[in-house]
Amino acid sequence: MTSETPAGPAPAGTAPDVREAAAGGTGGQVDVRFLTWRRPFAATWLLVTAIGGPAGEVFNVSAVPGPPPHAHGGDVLLHVSPGTGPDAAAALSVAVWTVAAGALVPVAAWDLPDDGGWPERVRATVTFAMSAMTELAEHADLGGLEPVDLDAAAVTAVRGLPRPLAMLGRGGAAG
């Protein structure tokens, strides 16, 4: 895991295998483990729709609608793209993001080997992000009705929660 903020992903392409797999899944969802066998040819945004149980169990995603790809407050996303490191042919770049109060918030990013094990490597972080968004939604308006253009927001994203949410618990009001 890197401690640096992801430097804005490349413009999202829509990998046909993600959409085709989701179309065959339940309600547009696909088990993310299915995608481990299909290397993305372009940057792809995936909306995490369910995660639960111990390692190797439920971890569902769906293709983010677009163009442009957009999400709403409280959503947790994966951004998967071909690697950019020295051994890019054998690597994937995977980043976890969330949307809160009209802003795209970077959570964590990795350059990982393309060995099919990346979903379990990011699982704990995705679980944390989903739990945090669920808890925050109980205390603040996350902007669930406000669409955020992911490609545009990724370019200007900064670490940390947007100010209204960061002020929770410090006497500030959110929502």
N, C-alpha and C. Protein backbone atom coordinates (compact mmCIF):
# COMPACT_ATOMS: atom_id res chain seq x y z
N MET A 1 0.85 -1.17 0.00
CA MET A 1 0.00 0.00 0.00
C MET A 1 0.89 1.23 0.00
N THR A 2 0.51 2.21 -0.77
CA THR A 2 1.26 3.44 -0.77
C THR A 2 0.57 4.44 0.13
N SER A 3 1.34 5.38 0.62
CA SER A 3 0.74 6.40 1.47
C SER A 3 0.46 7.66 0.68
N GLU A 4 0.81 7.67 -0.60
CA GLU A 4 0.60 8.85 -1.41
C GLU A 4 -0.80 8.86 -1.99
N THR A 5 -1.31 10.04 -2.20
CA THR A 5 -2.61 10.20 -2.84
C THR A 5 -2.49 9.79 -4.29
N PRO A 6 -3.45 9.00 -4.80
CA PRO A 6 -3.41 8.66 -6.21
C PRO A 6 -3.38 9.94 -7.04
N ALA A 7 -2.54 9.96 -8.04
CA ALA A 7 -2.37 11.17 -8.84
C ALA A 7 -3.39 11.22 -9.97
N GLY A 8 -4.64 11.19 -9.68
CA GLY A 8 -5.67 11.29 -10.70
C GLY A 8 -5.51 10.25 -11.79
N PRO A 9 -6.43 9.33 -11.88
CA PRO A 9 -6.34 8.28 -12.87
C PRO A 9 -6.50 8.82 -14.28
N ALA A 10 -6.07 8.01 -15.22
CA ALA A 10 -6.25 8.36 -16.63
C ALA A 10 -7.74 8.40 -16.93
N PRO A 11 -8.15 9.08 -18.00
CA PRO A 11 -9.57 9.09 -18.34
C PRO A 11 -10.11 7.68 -18.43
N ALA A 12 -11.30 7.49 -17.92
CA ALA A 12 -11.86 6.14 -17.84
C ALA A 12 -12.25 5.62 -19.20
N GLY A 13 -11.83 4.41 -19.48
CA GLY A 13 -12.33 3.67 -20.62
C GLY A 13 -13.34 2.70 -20.06
N THR A 14 -14.13 2.15 -20.89
CA THR A 14 -15.10 1.19 -20.40
C THR A 14 -14.69 -0.17 -20.93
N ALA A 15 -14.11 -0.96 -20.08
CA ALA A 15 -13.67 -2.28 -20.48
C ALA A 15 -14.89 -3.16 -20.75
N PRO A 16 -15.06 -3.64 -21.98
CA PRO A 16 -16.25 -4.43 -22.29
C PRO A 16 -16.45 -5.63 -21.38
N ASP A 17 -15.36 -6.24 -20.92
CA ASP A 17 -15.53 -7.41 -20.08
C ASP A 17 -16.24 -7.08 -18.78
N VAL A 18 -16.06 -5.88 -18.24
CA VAL A 18 -16.74 -5.49 -17.01
C VAL A 18 -18.24 -5.37 -17.26
N ARG A 19 -18.61 -4.68 -18.32
CA ARG A 19 -20.03 -4.50 -18.63
C ARG A 19 -20.69 -5.82 -19.01
N GLU A 20 -20.00 -6.63 -19.81
CA GLU A 20 -20.56 -7.93 -20.20
C GLU A 20 -20.75 -8.82 -18.99
N ALA A 21 -19.78 -8.84 -18.10
CA ALA A 21 -19.89 -9.67 -16.91
C ALA A 21 -21.02 -9.16 -16.03
N ALA A 22 -21.13 -7.85 -15.87
CA ALA A 22 -22.18 -7.28 -15.03
C ALA A 22 -23.55 -7.54 -15.64
N ALA A 23 -23.63 -7.50 -16.96
CA ALA A 23 -24.91 -7.75 -17.62
C ALA A 23 -25.39 -9.17 -17.35
N GLY A 24 -24.46 -10.09 -17.18
CA GLY A 24 -24.82 -11.47 -16.90
C GLY A 24 -25.00 -11.75 -15.43
N GLY A 25 -24.65 -10.77 -14.58
CA GLY A 25 -24.75 -10.95 -13.13
C GLY A 25 -26.14 -10.59 -12.64
N THR A 26 -26.25 -10.46 -11.34
CA THR A 26 -27.51 -10.13 -10.71
C THR A 26 -27.64 -8.62 -10.62
N GLY A 27 -28.64 -8.05 -11.27
CA GLY A 27 -28.88 -6.62 -11.19
C GLY A 27 -27.71 -5.77 -11.64
N GLY A 28 -26.97 -6.21 -12.64
CA GLY A 28 -25.82 -5.45 -13.13
C GLY A 28 -24.58 -5.62 -12.29
N GLN A 29 -24.60 -6.50 -11.30
CA GLN A 29 -23.45 -6.72 -10.43
C GLN A 29 -22.64 -7.92 -10.91
N VAL A 30 -21.38 -7.91 -10.59
CA VAL A 30 -20.51 -9.04 -10.89
C VAL A 30 -19.57 -9.22 -9.70
N ASP A 31 -19.23 -10.46 -9.42
CA ASP A 31 -18.25 -10.75 -8.38
C ASP A 31 -16.90 -10.26 -8.87
N VAL A 32 -16.24 -9.41 -8.11
CA VAL A 32 -14.99 -8.81 -8.54
C VAL A 32 -13.92 -9.86 -8.84
N ARG A 33 -14.04 -11.03 -8.23
CA ARG A 33 -13.05 -12.08 -8.51
C ARG A 33 -13.10 -12.53 -9.97
N PHE A 34 -14.25 -12.40 -10.63
CA PHE A 34 -14.35 -12.74 -12.05
C PHE A 34 -13.43 -11.85 -12.87
N LEU A 35 -13.28 -10.60 -12.45
CA LEU A 35 -12.47 -9.65 -13.20
C LEU A 35 -10.98 -9.88 -13.06
N THR A 36 -10.57 -10.68 -12.07
CA THR A 36 -9.14 -10.91 -11.88
C THR A 36 -8.53 -11.66 -13.04
N TRP A 37 -9.31 -12.33 -13.80
CA TRP A 37 -8.79 -13.11 -14.93
C TRP A 37 -8.83 -12.31 -16.23
N ARG A 38 -9.32 -11.08 -16.17
CA ARG A 38 -9.44 -10.24 -17.37
C ARG A 38 -8.73 -8.91 -17.12
N ARG A 39 -7.58 -8.79 -17.68
CA ARG A 39 -6.79 -7.57 -17.51
C ARG A 39 -7.50 -6.39 -18.19
N PRO A 40 -7.66 -5.26 -17.48
CA PRO A 40 -8.33 -4.11 -18.10
C PRO A 40 -7.43 -3.52 -19.19
N PHE A 41 -8.04 -3.15 -20.31
CA PHE A 41 -7.26 -2.53 -21.37
C PHE A 41 -7.20 -1.02 -21.21
N ALA A 42 -8.04 -0.49 -20.35
CA ALA A 42 -8.07 0.95 -20.08
C ALA A 42 -8.50 1.15 -18.64
N ALA A 43 -8.34 2.37 -18.16
CA ALA A 43 -8.78 2.70 -16.81
C ALA A 43 -10.29 2.47 -16.70
N THR A 44 -10.70 1.83 -15.61
CA THR A 44 -12.11 1.49 -15.43
C THR A 44 -12.56 1.81 -14.01
N TRP A 45 -13.67 2.52 -13.89
CA TRP A 45 -14.28 2.80 -12.60
C TRP A 45 -15.30 1.71 -12.30
N LEU A 46 -15.26 1.17 -11.07
CA LEU A 46 -16.20 0.15 -10.62
C LEU A 46 -16.83 0.60 -9.31
N LEU A 47 -18.14 0.51 -9.23
CA LEU A 47 -18.88 0.84 -8.01
C LEU A 47 -18.99 -0.41 -7.16
N VAL A 48 -18.53 -0.35 -5.92
CA VAL A 48 -18.66 -1.49 -5.02
C VAL A 48 -20.11 -1.53 -4.55
N THR A 49 -20.79 -2.64 -4.82
CA THR A 49 -22.20 -2.77 -4.47
C THR A 49 -22.43 -3.65 -3.25
N ALA A 50 -21.51 -4.54 -2.95
CA ALA A 50 -21.65 -5.39 -1.77
C ALA A 50 -20.29 -5.98 -1.42
N ILE A 51 -20.04 -6.05 -0.12
CA ILE A 51 -18.85 -6.74 0.37
C ILE A 51 -19.21 -7.28 1.74
N GLY A 52 -18.84 -8.50 2.00
CA GLY A 52 -19.17 -9.07 3.29
C GLY A 52 -18.55 -10.43 3.48
N GLY A 53 -18.60 -10.89 4.71
CA GLY A 53 -18.06 -12.20 5.03
C GLY A 53 -16.55 -12.20 5.04
N PRO A 54 -15.98 -13.36 5.33
CA PRO A 54 -14.52 -13.47 5.37
C PRO A 54 -13.93 -13.43 3.96
N ALA A 55 -12.62 -13.42 3.91
CA ALA A 55 -11.91 -13.39 2.63
C ALA A 55 -12.46 -14.46 1.70
N GLY A 56 -12.58 -14.09 0.44
CA GLY A 56 -13.05 -15.03 -0.56
C GLY A 56 -14.55 -15.09 -0.71
N GLU A 57 -15.28 -14.34 0.10
CA GLU A 57 -16.74 -14.34 -0.03
C GLU A 57 -17.21 -13.11 -0.79
N VAL A 58 -18.40 -12.63 -0.52
CA VAL A 58 -19.05 -11.59 -1.31
C VAL A 58 -18.17 -10.36 -1.52
N PHE A 59 -18.00 -9.95 -2.77
CA PHE A 59 -17.31 -8.73 -3.14
C PHE A 59 -17.81 -8.39 -4.55
N ASN A 60 -18.93 -7.67 -4.61
CA ASN A 60 -19.57 -7.38 -5.88
C ASN A 60 -19.35 -5.94 -6.30
N VAL A 61 -19.25 -5.76 -7.61
CA VAL A 61 -19.09 -4.44 -8.20
C VAL A 61 -20.01 -4.34 -9.42
N SER A 62 -20.22 -3.12 -9.87
CA SER A 62 -20.90 -2.90 -11.14
C SER A 62 -20.15 -1.80 -11.88
N ALA A 63 -20.29 -1.77 -13.19
CA ALA A 63 -19.66 -0.74 -13.99
C ALA A 63 -20.30 0.61 -13.65
N VAL A 64 -19.49 1.63 -13.54
CA VAL A 64 -20.00 2.96 -13.23
C VAL A 64 -20.67 3.52 -14.48
N PRO A 65 -21.87 4.10 -14.32
CA PRO A 65 -22.55 4.65 -15.49
C PRO A 65 -21.82 5.88 -16.04
N GLY A 66 -21.99 6.12 -17.29
CA GLY A 66 -21.38 7.26 -17.94
C GLY A 66 -21.64 7.17 -19.43
N PRO A 67 -21.05 7.89 -20.28
CA PRO A 67 -20.06 8.91 -19.98
C PRO A 67 -20.71 10.22 -19.59
N PRO A 68 -20.04 11.09 -18.90
CA PRO A 68 -18.83 10.77 -18.15
C PRO A 68 -19.19 9.88 -16.97
N PRO A 69 -18.24 9.08 -16.50
CA PRO A 69 -18.54 8.24 -15.34
C PRO A 69 -18.85 9.12 -14.13
N HIS A 70 -19.89 8.76 -13.40
CA HIS A 70 -20.27 9.57 -12.25
C HIS A 70 -20.74 8.68 -11.10
N ALA A 71 -20.64 9.23 -9.89
CA ALA A 71 -21.07 8.53 -8.69
C ALA A 71 -21.70 9.57 -7.77
N HIS A 72 -22.25 9.10 -6.66
CA HIS A 72 -22.96 9.96 -5.72
C HIS A 72 -22.39 9.80 -4.31
N GLY A 73 -22.73 10.76 -3.44
CA GLY A 73 -22.25 10.74 -2.08
C GLY A 73 -22.52 9.41 -1.39
N GLY A 74 -21.50 8.90 -0.71
CA GLY A 74 -21.60 7.63 -0.01
C GLY A 74 -21.10 6.45 -0.83
N ASP A 75 -20.93 6.62 -2.15
CA ASP A 75 -20.45 5.53 -3.00
C ASP A 75 -18.98 5.23 -2.71
N VAL A 76 -18.63 3.95 -2.79
CA VAL A 76 -17.24 3.51 -2.69
C VAL A 76 -16.89 2.91 -4.04
N LEU A 77 -15.75 3.30 -4.57
CA LEU A 77 -15.36 2.92 -5.93
C LEU A 77 -13.98 2.31 -5.98
N LEU A 78 -13.79 1.48 -6.98
CA LEU A 78 -12.47 0.98 -7.32
C LEU A 78 -12.11 1.59 -8.67
N HIS A 79 -10.87 1.99 -8.82
CA HIS A 79 -10.37 2.43 -10.12
C HIS A 79 -9.26 1.45 -10.47
N VAL A 80 -9.49 0.67 -11.52
CA VAL A 80 -8.54 -0.36 -11.93
C VAL A 80 -8.02 0.01 -13.31
N SER A 81 -6.69 -0.03 -13.45
CA SER A 81 -6.09 0.30 -14.74
C SER A 81 -4.81 -0.51 -14.92
N PRO A 82 -4.35 -0.60 -16.17
CA PRO A 82 -3.07 -1.27 -16.39
C PRO A 82 -1.99 -0.55 -15.60
N GLY A 83 -1.02 -1.30 -15.13
CA GLY A 83 0.05 -0.72 -14.32
C GLY A 83 0.89 0.28 -15.09
N THR A 84 1.56 1.15 -14.35
CA THR A 84 2.40 2.18 -14.97
C THR A 84 3.84 2.10 -14.49
N GLY A 85 4.15 1.14 -13.62
CA GLY A 85 5.49 1.03 -13.06
C GLY A 85 6.47 0.44 -14.05
N PRO A 86 7.69 0.14 -13.56
CA PRO A 86 8.74 -0.39 -14.43
C PRO A 86 8.37 -1.73 -15.06
N ASP A 87 7.57 -2.53 -14.37
CA ASP A 87 7.14 -3.81 -14.93
C ASP A 87 5.63 -3.74 -15.19
N ALA A 88 5.23 -2.73 -15.95
CA ALA A 88 3.81 -2.47 -16.20
C ALA A 88 3.10 -3.64 -16.85
N ALA A 89 3.82 -4.46 -17.60
CA ALA A 89 3.18 -5.59 -18.25
C ALA A 89 2.65 -6.60 -17.24
N ALA A 90 3.21 -6.61 -16.04
CA ALA A 90 2.80 -7.58 -15.03
C ALA A 90 2.11 -6.92 -13.84
N ALA A 91 1.63 -5.69 -14.01
CA ALA A 91 1.07 -4.98 -12.86
C ALA A 91 -0.28 -4.35 -13.17
N LEU A 92 -1.02 -4.13 -12.11
CA LEU A 92 -2.28 -3.41 -12.17
C LEU A 92 -2.19 -2.26 -11.17
N SER A 93 -2.79 -1.15 -11.51
CA SER A 93 -2.96 -0.07 -10.56
C SER A 93 -4.39 -0.17 -10.05
N VAL A 94 -4.54 -0.24 -8.74
CA VAL A 94 -5.86 -0.33 -8.13
C VAL A 94 -5.94 0.75 -7.06
N ALA A 95 -7.01 1.54 -7.10
CA ALA A 95 -7.21 2.59 -6.11
C ALA A 95 -8.63 2.49 -5.56
N VAL A 96 -8.77 2.79 -4.29
CA VAL A 96 -10.08 2.85 -3.64
C VAL A 96 -10.39 4.33 -3.43
N TRP A 97 -11.59 4.74 -3.82
CA TRP A 97 -12.05 6.11 -3.69
C TRP A 97 -13.44 6.09 -3.06
N THR A 98 -13.86 7.21 -2.53
CA THR A 98 -15.23 7.35 -2.07
C THR A 98 -15.70 8.76 -2.44
N VAL A 99 -17.01 8.93 -2.46
CA VAL A 99 -17.59 10.24 -2.76
C VAL A 99 -18.30 10.73 -1.51
N ALA A 100 -18.00 11.98 -1.13
CA ALA A 100 -18.62 12.56 0.06
C ALA A 100 -18.79 14.05 -0.14
N ALA A 101 -20.00 14.53 0.10
CA ALA A 101 -20.30 15.96 0.05
C ALA A 101 -19.83 16.61 -1.25
N GLY A 102 -20.09 15.94 -2.37
CA GLY A 102 -19.75 16.50 -3.68
C GLY A 102 -18.30 16.40 -4.07
N ALA A 103 -17.49 15.70 -3.29
CA ALA A 103 -16.06 15.57 -3.58
C ALA A 103 -15.67 14.11 -3.72
N LEU A 104 -14.69 13.85 -4.57
CA LEU A 104 -14.10 12.52 -4.71
C LEU A 104 -12.92 12.45 -3.75
N VAL A 105 -12.92 11.45 -2.87
CA VAL A 105 -11.92 11.36 -1.80
C VAL A 105 -11.06 10.11 -2.02
N PRO A 106 -9.73 10.29 -2.19
CA PRO A 106 -8.86 9.12 -2.33
C PRO A 106 -8.70 8.42 -0.97
N VAL A 107 -8.78 7.10 -1.00
CA VAL A 107 -8.64 6.32 0.22
C VAL A 107 -7.28 5.62 0.25
N ALA A 108 -6.95 4.88 -0.81
CA ALA A 108 -5.67 4.17 -0.88
C ALA A 108 -5.42 3.76 -2.33
N ALA A 109 -4.16 3.50 -2.64
CA ALA A 109 -3.80 3.07 -4.00
C ALA A 109 -2.62 2.11 -3.94
N TRP A 110 -2.61 1.20 -4.90
CA TRP A 110 -1.56 0.19 -4.99
C TRP A 110 -1.18 -0.04 -6.44
N ASP A 111 0.07 -0.42 -6.66
CA ASP A 111 0.50 -1.06 -7.90
C ASP A 111 0.73 -2.50 -7.49
N LEU A 112 -0.06 -3.40 -8.06
CA LEU A 112 -0.05 -4.80 -7.63
C LEU A 112 0.31 -5.72 -8.77
N PRO A 113 0.86 -6.89 -8.45
CA PRO A 113 1.11 -7.87 -9.50
C PRO A 113 -0.22 -8.34 -10.08
N ASP A 114 -0.21 -8.60 -11.36
CA ASP A 114 -1.42 -9.08 -12.04
C ASP A 114 -1.50 -10.60 -11.90
N ASP A 115 -1.65 -11.04 -10.64
CA ASP A 115 -1.65 -12.47 -10.36
C ASP A 115 -3.03 -13.00 -9.95
N GLY A 116 -4.05 -12.18 -10.10
CA GLY A 116 -5.41 -12.59 -9.75
C GLY A 116 -5.75 -12.41 -8.28
N GLY A 117 -4.81 -11.97 -7.45
CA GLY A 117 -5.07 -11.85 -6.02
C GLY A 117 -5.41 -10.44 -5.55
N TRP A 118 -5.53 -9.48 -6.48
CA TRP A 118 -5.74 -8.10 -6.05
C TRP A 118 -7.03 -7.87 -5.28
N PRO A 119 -8.14 -8.55 -5.57
CA PRO A 119 -9.36 -8.25 -4.79
C PRO A 119 -9.18 -8.49 -3.29
N GLU A 120 -8.49 -9.54 -2.92
CA GLU A 120 -8.30 -9.82 -1.49
C GLU A 120 -7.30 -8.86 -0.88
N ARG A 121 -6.38 -8.32 -1.68
CA ARG A 121 -5.42 -7.35 -1.15
C ARG A 121 -6.08 -6.02 -0.82
N VAL A 122 -7.15 -5.68 -1.53
CA VAL A 122 -7.81 -4.38 -1.29
C VAL A 122 -9.08 -4.53 -0.45
N ARG A 123 -9.47 -5.74 -0.15
CA ARG A 123 -10.74 -6.03 0.54
C ARG A 123 -10.90 -5.29 1.87
N ALA A 124 -9.89 -5.32 2.72
CA ALA A 124 -10.01 -4.68 4.03
C ALA A 124 -10.20 -3.16 3.90
N THR A 125 -9.52 -2.56 2.95
CA THR A 125 -9.66 -1.12 2.75
C THR A 125 -11.05 -0.78 2.21
N VAL A 126 -11.55 -1.59 1.29
CA VAL A 126 -12.90 -1.37 0.76
C VAL A 126 -13.93 -1.54 1.88
N THR A 127 -13.76 -2.54 2.70
CA THR A 127 -14.68 -2.78 3.82
C THR A 127 -14.67 -1.57 4.77
N PHE A 128 -13.48 -1.08 5.07
CA PHE A 128 -13.37 0.10 5.93
C PHE A 128 -14.08 1.30 5.31
N ALA A 129 -13.82 1.57 4.04
CA ALA A 129 -14.43 2.72 3.37
C ALA A 129 -15.95 2.61 3.36
N MET A 130 -16.47 1.42 3.11
CA MET A 130 -17.93 1.25 3.11
C MET A 130 -18.50 1.47 4.50
N SER A 131 -17.83 0.96 5.52
CA SER A 131 -18.28 1.16 6.90
C SER A 131 -18.24 2.63 7.29
N ALA A 132 -17.17 3.31 6.92
CA ALA A 132 -17.03 4.73 7.25
C ALA A 132 -18.12 5.55 6.57
N MET A 133 -18.43 5.27 5.32
CA MET A 133 -19.47 6.02 4.62
C MET A 133 -20.85 5.74 5.22
N THR A 134 -21.09 4.51 5.63
CA THR A 134 -22.36 4.17 6.27
C THR A 134 -22.51 4.94 7.58
N GLU A 135 -21.45 4.97 8.38
CA GLU A 135 -21.48 5.69 9.65
C GLU A 135 -21.64 7.20 9.44
N LEU A 136 -20.89 7.76 8.51
CA LEU A 136 -21.00 9.19 8.23
C LEU A 136 -22.40 9.57 7.75
N ALA A 137 -23.02 8.70 6.96
CA ALA A 137 -24.35 8.98 6.42
C ALA A 137 -25.40 9.10 7.53
N GLU A 138 -25.12 8.49 8.69
CA GLU A 138 -26.05 8.59 9.81
C GLU A 138 -25.97 9.95 10.49
N HIS A 139 -24.90 10.70 10.23
CA HIS A 139 -24.69 11.97 10.92
C HIS A 139 -24.61 13.19 9.99
N ALA A 140 -24.51 12.95 8.69
CA ALA A 140 -24.32 14.07 7.77
C ALA A 140 -24.90 13.74 6.40
N ASP A 141 -25.15 14.77 5.64
CA ASP A 141 -25.60 14.62 4.26
C ASP A 141 -24.36 14.42 3.39
N LEU A 142 -24.25 13.25 2.78
CA LEU A 142 -23.09 12.94 1.94
C LEU A 142 -23.29 13.38 0.50
N GLY A 143 -24.44 13.96 0.19
CA GLY A 143 -24.70 14.40 -1.18
C GLY A 143 -25.13 13.26 -2.08
N GLY A 144 -25.96 12.38 -1.56
CA GLY A 144 -26.38 11.20 -2.30
C GLY A 144 -27.13 11.47 -3.59
N LEU A 145 -27.69 12.66 -3.75
CA LEU A 145 -28.43 12.97 -4.97
C LEU A 145 -27.60 13.77 -5.96
N GLU A 146 -26.43 14.22 -5.55
CA GLU A 146 -25.58 15.07 -6.37
C GLU A 146 -24.56 14.24 -7.14
N PRO A 147 -24.66 14.14 -8.49
CA PRO A 147 -23.68 13.36 -9.24
C PRO A 147 -22.33 14.06 -9.28
N VAL A 148 -21.26 13.27 -9.20
CA VAL A 148 -19.89 13.78 -9.27
C VAL A 148 -19.23 13.13 -10.48
N ASP A 149 -18.71 13.95 -11.39
CA ASP A 149 -17.98 13.47 -12.57
C ASP A 149 -16.64 12.93 -12.08
N LEU A 150 -16.45 11.62 -12.13
CA LEU A 150 -15.27 11.00 -11.53
C LEU A 150 -13.97 11.40 -12.20
N ASP A 151 -13.94 11.42 -13.53
CA ASP A 151 -12.69 11.76 -14.21
C ASP A 151 -12.26 13.19 -13.89
N ALA A 152 -13.20 14.12 -13.91
CA ALA A 152 -12.88 15.52 -13.61
C ALA A 152 -12.48 15.68 -12.14
N ALA A 153 -13.22 15.05 -11.25
CA ALA A 153 -12.95 15.18 -9.81
C ALA A 153 -11.63 14.53 -9.41
N ALA A 154 -11.23 13.47 -10.11
CA ALA A 154 -9.98 12.78 -9.76
C ALA A 154 -8.76 13.68 -9.99
N VAL A 155 -8.86 14.58 -10.94
CA VAL A 155 -7.74 15.46 -11.25
C VAL A 155 -7.49 16.46 -10.11
N THR A 156 -8.54 16.88 -9.44
CA THR A 156 -8.41 17.89 -8.39
C THR A 156 -8.58 17.34 -6.98
N ALA A 157 -8.72 16.03 -6.85
CA ALA A 157 -8.97 15.42 -5.53
C ALA A 157 -7.80 15.67 -4.57
N VAL A 158 -8.16 15.91 -3.32
CA VAL A 158 -7.15 16.07 -2.27
C VAL A 158 -7.47 15.11 -1.13
N ARG A 159 -6.46 14.81 -0.36
CA ARG A 159 -6.65 13.91 0.78
C ARG A 159 -7.59 14.50 1.80
N GLY A 160 -8.30 13.63 2.49
CA GLY A 160 -9.13 14.06 3.61
C GLY A 160 -10.57 14.32 3.21
N LEU A 161 -11.41 14.36 4.22
CA LEU A 161 -12.83 14.62 4.00
C LEU A 161 -13.07 16.08 3.68
N PRO A 162 -14.10 16.36 2.88
CA PRO A 162 -14.46 17.75 2.63
C PRO A 162 -14.77 18.46 3.96
N ARG A 163 -14.55 19.74 4.02
CA ARG A 163 -14.66 20.52 5.25
C ARG A 163 -15.94 20.27 6.05
N PRO A 164 -17.12 20.27 5.43
CA PRO A 164 -18.32 20.07 6.28
C PRO A 164 -18.27 18.75 7.06
N LEU A 165 -17.72 17.72 6.46
CA LEU A 165 -17.65 16.43 7.14
C LEU A 165 -16.48 16.39 8.13
N ALA A 166 -15.39 17.04 7.80
CA ALA A 166 -14.23 17.05 8.69
C ALA A 166 -14.54 17.78 10.00
N MET A 167 -15.52 18.65 9.97
CA MET A 167 -15.88 19.43 11.16
C MET A 167 -16.80 18.66 12.11
N LEU A 168 -17.33 17.52 11.70
CA LEU A 168 -18.19 16.74 12.59
C LEU A 168 -17.43 16.40 13.86
N GLY A 169 -18.09 16.52 14.98
CA GLY A 169 -17.47 16.20 16.26
C GLY A 169 -16.61 17.32 16.81
N ARG A 170 -16.45 18.40 16.05
CA ARG A 170 -15.66 19.55 16.51
C ARG A 170 -16.54 20.77 16.69
N GLY A 171 -17.81 20.52 16.86
CA GLY A 171 -18.74 21.63 17.04
C GLY A 171 -19.28 22.15 15.73
N GLY A 172 -18.80 21.59 14.60
CA GLY A 172 -19.29 22.02 13.29
C GLY A 172 -20.53 21.24 12.93
N ALA A 173 -21.31 21.78 12.06
CA ALA A 173 -22.52 21.11 11.60
C ALA A 173 -22.31 20.67 10.17
N ALA A 174 -22.81 19.50 9.83
CA ALA A 174 -22.73 19.03 8.46
C ALA A 174 -24.13 18.76 7.97
N GLY A 175 -24.30 18.96 6.69
CA GLY A 175 -25.59 18.64 6.09
C GLY A 175 -26.40 19.84 6.03
